Amino acid sequence: MKKLIITSVIAIALSLPLVLSSQNEPPHPGGGNAPSGDANRVGGHGPSAPIGSGTIILTLLAAAYGGKKVYNLRKEEKE
């Protein structure tokens, strides 16, 4: 069990830089202001949606849930 926990911690620690890094915003075509219309749709040259925070929160909640499951399993084994 200890080996599984250590492996999980190492895997999470190695994957954090991948989750926390993001790409730069693509340059706007031409000069001046960004064109309106299609440029602000998903996949266009408009602002992108931040998904990093949601991913981190989901990962932390999953780790907490898994930790509680492990805690309860160990508590049952001792009884």
PDB file of N, CA and C in Angstrom:
ATOM      1  N   MET A   1       0.831  -1.196   0.000  1.00  0.00           N
ATOM      2  CA  MET A   1       0.000   0.000   0.000  1.00  0.00           C
ATOM      3  C   MET A   1       0.869   1.252   0.000  1.00  0.00           C
ATOM      4  N   LYS A   2       1.971   1.191   0.767  1.00  0.00           N
ATOM      5  CA  LYS A   2       2.869   2.340   0.839  1.00  0.00           C
ATOM      6  C   LYS A   2       3.480   2.625  -0.532  1.00  0.00           C
ATOM      7  N   LYS A   3       3.800   1.571  -1.272  1.00  0.00           N
ATOM      8  CA  LYS A   3       4.382   1.732  -2.605  1.00  0.00           C
ATOM      9  C   LYS A   3       3.386   2.414  -3.556  1.00  0.00           C
ATOM     10  N   LEU A   4       2.109   2.066  -3.440  1.00  0.00           N
ATOM     11  CA  LEU A   4       1.070   2.676  -4.274  1.00  0.00           C
ATOM     12  C   LEU A   4       0.933   4.172  -3.977  1.00  0.00           C
ATOM     13  N   ILE A   5       0.969   4.538  -2.711  1.00  0.00           N
ATOM     14  CA  ILE A   5       0.844   5.946  -2.328  1.00  0.00           C
ATOM     15  C   ILE A   5       2.043   6.739  -2.824  1.00  0.00           C
ATOM     16  N   ILE A   6       3.243   6.184  -2.661  1.00  0.00           N
ATOM     17  CA  ILE A   6       4.451   6.880  -3.124  1.00  0.00           C
ATOM     18  C   ILE A   6       4.421   7.038  -4.638  1.00  0.00           C
ATOM     19  N   THR A   7       4.008   6.012  -5.355  1.00  0.00           N
ATOM     20  CA  THR A   7       3.923   6.091  -6.817  1.00  0.00           C
ATOM     21  C   THR A   7       2.902   7.142  -7.247  1.00  0.00           C
ATOM     22  N   SER A   8       1.784   7.209  -6.552  1.00  0.00           N
ATOM     23  CA  SER A   8       0.759   8.201  -6.881  1.00  0.00           C
ATOM     24  C   SER A   8       1.262   9.619  -6.646  1.00  0.00           C
ATOM     25  N   VAL A   9       1.955   9.840  -5.534  1.00  0.00           N
ATOM     26  CA  VAL A   9       2.484  11.169  -5.230  1.00  0.00           C
ATOM     27  C   VAL A   9       3.509  11.585  -6.275  1.00  0.00           C
ATOM     28  N   ILE A  10       4.374  10.682  -6.687  1.00  0.00           N
ATOM     29  CA  ILE A  10       5.381  10.991  -7.705  1.00  0.00           C
ATOM     30  C   ILE A  10       4.709  11.309  -9.036  1.00  0.00           C
ATOM     31  N   ALA A  11       3.695  10.538  -9.415  1.00  0.00           N
ATOM     32  CA  ALA A  11       2.991  10.781 -10.679  1.00  0.00           C
ATOM     33  C   ALA A  11       2.307  12.140 -10.675  1.00  0.00           C
ATOM     34  N   ILE A  12       1.684  12.507  -9.566  1.00  0.00           N
ATOM     35  CA  ILE A  12       1.027  13.815  -9.476  1.00  0.00           C
ATOM     36  C   ILE A  12       2.055  14.933  -9.521  1.00  0.00           C
ATOM     37  N   ALA A  13       3.169  14.756  -8.815  1.00  0.00           N
ATOM     38  CA  ALA A  13       4.208  15.791  -8.794  1.00  0.00           C
ATOM     39  C   ALA A  13       4.807  16.001 -10.183  1.00  0.00           C
ATOM     40  N   LEU A  14       4.967  14.944 -10.949  1.00  0.00           N
ATOM     41  CA  LEU A  14       5.524  15.078 -12.290  1.00  0.00           C
ATOM     42  C   LEU A  14       4.522  15.643 -13.292  1.00  0.00           C
ATOM     43  N   SER A  15       3.232  15.483 -13.045  1.00  0.00           N
ATOM     44  CA  SER A  15       2.233  15.983 -13.988  1.00  0.00           C
ATOM     45  C   SER A  15       1.804  17.421 -13.700  1.00  0.00           C
ATOM     46  N   LEU A  16       2.133  17.969 -12.527  1.00  0.00           N
ATOM     47  CA  LEU A  16       1.729  19.341 -12.204  1.00  0.00           C
ATOM     48  C   LEU A  16       2.271  20.388 -13.183  1.00  0.00           C
ATOM     49  N   PRO A  17       3.533  20.326 -13.618  1.00  0.00           N
ATOM     50  CA  PRO A  17       3.987  21.337 -14.585  1.00  0.00           C
ATOM     51  C   PRO A  17       3.196  21.307 -15.895  1.00  0.00           C
ATOM     52  N   LEU A  18       2.712  20.146 -16.288  1.00  0.00           N
ATOM     53  CA  LEU A  18       1.916  20.056 -17.510  1.00  0.00           C
ATOM     54  C   LEU A  18       0.570  20.738 -17.342  1.00  0.00           C
ATOM     55  N   VAL A  19       0.000  20.637 -16.158  1.00  0.00           N
ATOM     56  CA  VAL A  19      -1.313  21.230 -15.895  1.00  0.00           C
ATOM     57  C   VAL A  19      -1.198  22.735 -15.695  1.00  0.00           C
ATOM     58  N   LEU A  20      -0.128  23.171 -15.057  1.00  0.00           N
ATOM     59  CA  LEU A  20       0.008  24.581 -14.702  1.00  0.00           C
ATOM     60  C   LEU A  20       0.522  25.457 -15.834  1.00  0.00           C
ATOM     61  N   SER A  21       1.098  24.875 -16.877  1.00  0.00           N
ATOM     62  CA  SER A  21       1.608  25.689 -17.975  1.00  0.00           C
ATOM     63  C   SER A  21       0.509  25.909 -19.015  1.00  0.00           C
ATOM     64  N   SER A  22       0.606  27.008 -19.732  1.00  0.00           N
ATOM     65  CA  SER A  22      -0.392  27.303 -20.753  1.00  0.00           C
ATOM     66  C   SER A  22       0.293  27.950 -21.951  1.00  0.00           C
ATOM     67  N   GLN A  23      -0.432  28.038 -23.041  1.00  0.00           N
ATOM     68  CA  GLN A  23       0.103  28.643 -24.252  1.00  0.00           C
ATOM     69  C   GLN A  23      -0.147  30.137 -24.247  1.00  0.00           C
ATOM     70  N   ASN A  24       0.657  30.856 -25.014  1.00  0.00           N
ATOM     71  CA  ASN A  24       0.436  32.279 -25.192  1.00  0.00           C
ATOM     72  C   ASN A  24      -0.741  32.507 -26.122  1.00  0.00           C
ATOM     73  N   GLU A  25      -1.351  33.683 -26.011  1.00  0.00           N
ATOM     74  CA  GLU A  25      -2.455  34.028 -26.889  1.00  0.00           C
ATOM     75  C   GLU A  25      -1.915  34.233 -28.297  1.00  0.00           C
ATOM     76  N   PRO A  26      -2.613  33.710 -29.327  1.00  0.00           N
ATOM     77  CA  PRO A  26      -2.117  33.878 -30.692  1.00  0.00           C
ATOM     78  C   PRO A  26      -2.172  35.349 -31.108  1.00  0.00           C
ATOM     79  N   PRO A  27      -1.281  35.762 -31.988  1.00  0.00           N
ATOM     80  CA  PRO A  27      -1.280  37.163 -32.423  1.00  0.00           C
ATOM     81  C   PRO A  27      -2.517  37.482 -33.262  1.00  0.00           C
ATOM     82  N   HIS A  28      -2.960  38.717 -33.172  1.00  0.00           N
ATOM     83  CA  HIS A  28      -4.101  39.159 -33.970  1.00  0.00           C
ATOM     84  C   HIS A  28      -3.652  39.377 -35.406  1.00  0.00           C
ATOM     85  N   PRO A  29      -4.486  39.007 -36.368  1.00  0.00           N
ATOM     86  CA  PRO A  29      -4.098  39.204 -37.770  1.00  0.00           C
ATOM     87  C   PRO A  29      -4.071  40.698 -38.116  1.00  0.00           C
ATOM     88  N   GLY A  30      -3.068  41.094 -38.836  1.00  0.00           N
ATOM     89  CA  GLY A  30      -2.956  42.499 -39.244  1.00  0.00           C
ATOM     90  C   GLY A  30      -2.559  43.380 -38.083  1.00  0.00           C
ATOM     91  N   GLY A  31      -2.706  44.668 -38.249  1.00  0.00           N
ATOM     92  CA  GLY A  31      -2.339  45.606 -37.195  1.00  0.00           C
ATOM     93  C   GLY A  31      -3.572  46.234 -36.584  1.00  0.00           C
ATOM     94  N   GLY A  32      -3.387  46.928 -35.507  1.00  0.00           N
ATOM     95  CA  GLY A  32      -4.493  47.652 -34.886  1.00  0.00           C
ATOM     96  C   GLY A  32      -5.369  46.763 -34.029  1.00  0.00           C
ATOM     97  N   ASN A  33      -6.639  47.104 -33.986  1.00  0.00           N
ATOM     98  CA  ASN A  33      -7.592  46.382 -33.148  1.00  0.00           C
ATOM     99  C   ASN A  33      -7.954  45.030 -33.752  1.00  0.00           C
ATOM    100  N   ALA A  34      -8.342  44.124 -32.886  1.00  0.00           N
ATOM    101  CA  ALA A  34      -8.787  42.811 -33.345  1.00  0.00           C
ATOM    102  C   ALA A  34     -10.155  42.946 -34.000  1.00  0.00           C
ATOM    103  N   PRO A  35     -10.391  42.251 -35.111  1.00  0.00           N
ATOM    104  CA  PRO A  35     -11.701  42.317 -35.754  1.00  0.00           C
ATOM    105  C   PRO A  35     -12.773  41.664 -34.886  1.00  0.00           C
ATOM    106  N   SER A  36     -13.992  42.133 -35.014  1.00  0.00           N
ATOM    107  CA  SER A  36     -15.092  41.563 -34.236  1.00  0.00           C
ATOM    108  C   SER A  36     -15.745  40.439 -35.021  1.00  0.00           C
ATOM    109  N   GLY A  37     -16.716  39.802 -34.417  1.00  0.00           N
ATOM    110  CA  GLY A  37     -17.439  38.736 -35.106  1.00  0.00           C
ATOM    111  C   GLY A  37     -16.812  37.388 -34.826  1.00  0.00           C
ATOM    112  N   ASP A  38     -16.323  36.737 -35.887  1.00  0.00           N
ATOM    113  CA  ASP A  38     -15.781  35.380 -35.768  1.00  0.00           C
ATOM    114  C   ASP A  38     -14.525  35.314 -34.902  1.00  0.00           C
ATOM    115  N   ALA A  39     -13.835  36.417 -34.696  1.00  0.00           N
ATOM    116  CA  ALA A  39     -12.585  36.398 -33.937  1.00  0.00           C
ATOM    117  C   ALA A  39     -12.828  36.095 -32.462  1.00  0.00           C
ATOM    118  N   ASN A  40     -14.021  36.377 -31.948  1.00  0.00           N
ATOM    119  CA  ASN A  40     -14.292  36.161 -30.531  1.00  0.00           C
ATOM    120  C   ASN A  40     -14.974  34.826 -30.249  1.00  0.00           C
ATOM    121  N   ARG A  41     -15.091  33.978 -31.233  1.00  0.00           N
ATOM    122  CA  ARG A  41     -15.700  32.674 -31.009  1.00  0.00           C
ATOM    123  C   ARG A  41     -14.631  31.677 -30.594  1.00  0.00           C
ATOM    124  N   VAL A  42     -15.053  30.502 -30.144  1.00  0.00           N
ATOM    125  CA  VAL A  42     -14.118  29.464 -29.717  1.00  0.00           C
ATOM    126  C   VAL A  42     -13.278  29.040 -30.914  1.00  0.00           C
ATOM    127  N   GLY A  43     -11.978  29.013 -30.736  1.00  0.00           N
ATOM    128  CA  GLY A  43     -11.079  28.639 -31.817  1.00  0.00           C
ATOM    129  C   GLY A  43     -10.635  29.824 -32.639  1.00  0.00           C
ATOM    130  N   GLY A  44     -11.200  30.994 -32.418  1.00  0.00           N
ATOM    131  CA  GLY A  44     -10.791  32.196 -33.149  1.00  0.00           C
ATOM    132  C   GLY A  44      -9.585  32.829 -32.482  1.00  0.00           C
ATOM    133  N   HIS A  45      -9.351  34.078 -32.755  1.00  0.00           N
ATOM    134  CA  HIS A  45      -8.206  34.772 -32.183  1.00  0.00           C
ATOM    135  C   HIS A  45      -8.590  35.585 -30.962  1.00  0.00           C
ATOM    136  N   GLY A  46      -9.742  35.342 -30.401  1.00  0.00           N
ATOM    137  CA  GLY A  46     -10.191  36.083 -29.232  1.00  0.00           C
ATOM    138  C   GLY A  46      -9.620  35.508 -27.953  1.00  0.00           C
ATOM    139  N   PRO A  47     -10.081  35.993 -26.825  1.00  0.00           N
ATOM    140  CA  PRO A  47      -9.568  35.507 -25.546  1.00  0.00           C
ATOM    141  C   PRO A  47      -9.944  34.042 -25.322  1.00  0.00           C
ATOM    142  N   SER A  48      -9.080  33.321 -24.621  1.00  0.00           N
ATOM    143  CA  SER A  48      -9.350  31.909 -24.368  1.00  0.00           C
ATOM    144  C   SER A  48      -9.897  31.717 -22.958  1.00  0.00           C
ATOM    145  N   ALA A  49     -10.538  30.603 -22.739  1.00  0.00           N
ATOM    146  CA  ALA A  49     -11.133  30.309 -21.433  1.00  0.00           C
ATOM    147  C   ALA A  49     -10.079  29.698 -20.516  1.00  0.00           C
ATOM    148  N   PRO A  50      -9.976  30.172 -19.275  1.00  0.00           N
ATOM    149  CA  PRO A  50      -9.005  29.581 -18.349  1.00  0.00           C
ATOM    150  C   PRO A  50      -9.520  28.253 -17.789  1.00  0.00           C
ATOM    151  N   ILE A  51      -8.818  27.161 -18.068  1.00  0.00           N
ATOM    152  CA  ILE A  51      -9.261  25.860 -17.569  1.00  0.00           C
ATOM    153  C   ILE A  51      -8.312  25.311 -16.514  1.00  0.00           C
ATOM    154  N   GLY A  52      -7.188  25.958 -16.284  1.00  0.00           N
ATOM    155  CA  GLY A  52      -6.195  25.464 -15.337  1.00  0.00           C
ATOM    156  C   GLY A  52      -6.723  25.390 -13.919  1.00  0.00           C
ATOM    157  N   SER A  53      -7.437  26.410 -13.465  1.00  0.00           N
ATOM    158  CA  SER A  53      -7.935  26.429 -12.089  1.00  0.00           C
ATOM    159  C   SER A  53      -8.951  25.318 -11.847  1.00  0.00           C
ATOM    160  N   GLY A  54      -9.829  25.107 -12.787  1.00  0.00           N
ATOM    161  CA  GLY A  54     -10.828  24.053 -12.647  1.00  0.00           C
ATOM    162  C   GLY A  54     -10.190  22.675 -12.609  1.00  0.00           C
ATOM    163  N   THR A  55      -9.148  22.485 -13.406  1.00  0.00           N
ATOM    164  CA  THR A  55      -8.446  21.203 -13.430  1.00  0.00           C
ATOM    165  C   THR A  55      -7.768  20.939 -12.095  1.00  0.00           C
ATOM    166  N   ILE A  56      -7.163  21.968 -11.527  1.00  0.00           N
ATOM    167  CA  ILE A  56      -6.484  21.811 -10.241  1.00  0.00           C
ATOM    168  C   ILE A  56      -7.498  21.494  -9.147  1.00  0.00           C
ATOM    169  N   ILE A  57      -8.603  22.199  -9.140  1.00  0.00           N
ATOM    170  CA  ILE A  57      -9.628  21.957  -8.121  1.00  0.00           C
ATOM    171  C   ILE A  57     -10.168  20.535  -8.241  1.00  0.00           C
ATOM    172  N   LEU A  58     -10.436  20.092  -9.455  1.00  0.00           N
ATOM    173  CA  LEU A  58     -10.939  18.736  -9.666  1.00  0.00           C
ATOM    174  C   LEU A  58      -9.925  17.691  -9.216  1.00  0.00           C
ATOM    175  N   THR A  59      -8.645  17.921  -9.504  1.00  0.00           N
ATOM    176  CA  THR A  59      -7.600  16.997  -9.084  1.00  0.00           C
ATOM    177  C   THR A  59      -7.496  16.937  -7.568  1.00  0.00           C
ATOM    178  N   LEU A  60      -7.554  18.086  -6.901  1.00  0.00           N
ATOM    179  CA  LEU A  60      -7.474  18.117  -5.441  1.00  0.00           C
ATOM    180  C   LEU A  60      -8.674  17.414  -4.801  1.00  0.00           C
ATOM    181  N   LEU A  61      -9.848  17.618  -5.354  1.00  0.00           N
ATOM    182  CA  LEU A  61     -11.031  16.944  -4.825  1.00  0.00           C
ATOM    183  C   LEU A  61     -10.938  15.426  -5.010  1.00  0.00           C
ATOM    184  N   ALA A  62     -10.418  14.992  -6.161  1.00  0.00           N
ATOM    185  CA  ALA A  62     -10.255  13.555  -6.400  1.00  0.00           C
ATOM    186  C   ALA A  62      -9.230  12.965  -5.445  1.00  0.00           C
ATOM    187  N   ALA A  63      -8.142  13.696  -5.184  1.00  0.00           N
ATOM    188  CA  ALA A  63      -7.128  13.211  -4.242  1.00  0.00           C
ATOM    189  C   ALA A  63      -7.694  13.126  -2.822  1.00  0.00           C
ATOM    190  N   ALA A  64      -8.496  14.107  -2.435  1.00  0.00           N
ATOM    191  CA  ALA A  64      -9.102  14.086  -1.103  1.00  0.00           C
ATOM    192  C   ALA A  64     -10.080  12.914  -0.974  1.00  0.00           C
ATOM    193  N   TYR A  65     -10.845  12.673  -2.014  1.00  0.00           N
ATOM    194  CA  TYR A  65     -11.788  11.551  -2.003  1.00  0.00           C
ATOM    195  C   TYR A  65     -11.035  10.223  -1.908  1.00  0.00           C
ATOM    196  N   GLY A  66      -9.974  10.079  -2.692  1.00  0.00           N
ATOM    197  CA  GLY A  66      -9.172   8.864  -2.640  1.00  0.00           C
ATOM    198  C   GLY A  66      -8.514   8.683  -1.284  1.00  0.00           C
ATOM    199  N   GLY A  67      -8.031   9.780  -0.697  1.00  0.00           N
ATOM    200  CA  GLY A  67      -7.431   9.712   0.629  1.00  0.00           C
ATOM    201  C   GLY A  67      -8.423   9.262   1.676  1.00  0.00           C
ATOM    202  N   LYS A  68      -9.645   9.745   1.589  1.00  0.00           N
ATOM    203  CA  LYS A  68     -10.684   9.331   2.542  1.00  0.00           C
ATOM    204  C   LYS A  68     -10.996   7.849   2.382  1.00  0.00           C
ATOM    205  N   LYS A  69     -11.043   7.382   1.140  1.00  0.00           N
ATOM    206  CA  LYS A  69     -11.302   5.960   0.893  1.00  0.00           C
ATOM    207  C   LYS A  69     -10.195   5.095   1.495  1.00  0.00           C
ATOM    208  N   VAL A  70      -8.929   5.518   1.310  1.00  0.00           N
ATOM    209  CA  VAL A  70      -7.807   4.774   1.869  1.00  0.00           C
ATOM    210  C   VAL A  70      -7.870   4.793   3.392  1.00  0.00           C
ATOM    211  N   TYR A  71      -8.191   5.936   3.970  1.00  0.00           N
ATOM    212  CA  TYR A  71      -8.300   6.065   5.429  1.00  0.00           C
ATOM    213  C   TYR A  71      -9.374   5.121   5.972  1.00  0.00           C
ATOM    214  N   ASN A  72     -10.530   5.116   5.326  1.00  0.00           N
ATOM    215  CA  ASN A  72     -11.625   4.242   5.776  1.00  0.00           C
ATOM    216  C   ASN A  72     -11.258   2.763   5.616  1.00  0.00           C
ATOM    217  N   LEU A  73     -10.544   2.429   4.546  1.00  0.00           N
ATOM    218  CA  LEU A  73     -10.139   1.047   4.320  1.00  0.00           C
ATOM    219  C   LEU A  73      -9.166   0.592   5.405  1.00  0.00           C
ATOM    220  N   ARG A  74      -8.211   1.436   5.741  1.00  0.00           N
ATOM    221  CA  ARG A  74      -7.250   1.093   6.801  1.00  0.00           C
ATOM    222  C   ARG A  74      -7.939   0.988   8.161  1.00  0.00           C
ATOM    223  N   LYS A  75      -8.905   1.853   8.398  1.00  0.00           N
ATOM    224  CA  LYS A  75      -9.639   1.837   9.661  1.00  0.00           C
ATOM    225  C   LYS A  75     -10.432   0.531   9.801  1.00  0.00           C
ATOM    226  N   GLU A  76     -11.023   0.039   8.713  1.00  0.00           N
ATOM    227  CA  GLU A  76     -11.757  -1.220   8.736  1.00  0.00           C
ATOM    228  C   GLU A  76     -10.836  -2.412   8.940  1.00  0.00           C
ATOM    229  N   GLU A  77      -9.609  -2.358   8.373  1.00  0.00           N
ATOM    230  CA  GLU A  77      -8.678  -3.468   8.510  1.00  0.00           C
ATOM    231  C   GLU A  77      -8.210  -3.623   9.954  1.00  0.00           C
ATOM    232  N   LYS A  78      -8.083  -2.522  10.699  1.00  0.00           N
ATOM    233  CA  LYS A  78      -7.613  -2.576  12.077  1.00  0.00           C
ATOM    234  C   LYS A  78      -8.655  -3.174  13.016  1.00  0.00           C
ATOM    235  N   GLU A  79      -9.900  -3.059  12.650  1.00  0.00           N
ATOM    236  CA  GLU A  79     -10.984  -3.559  13.519  1.00  0.00           C
ATOM    237  C   GLU A  79     -11.175  -5.040  13.408  1.00  0.00           C
TER     238      GLU A  79
END
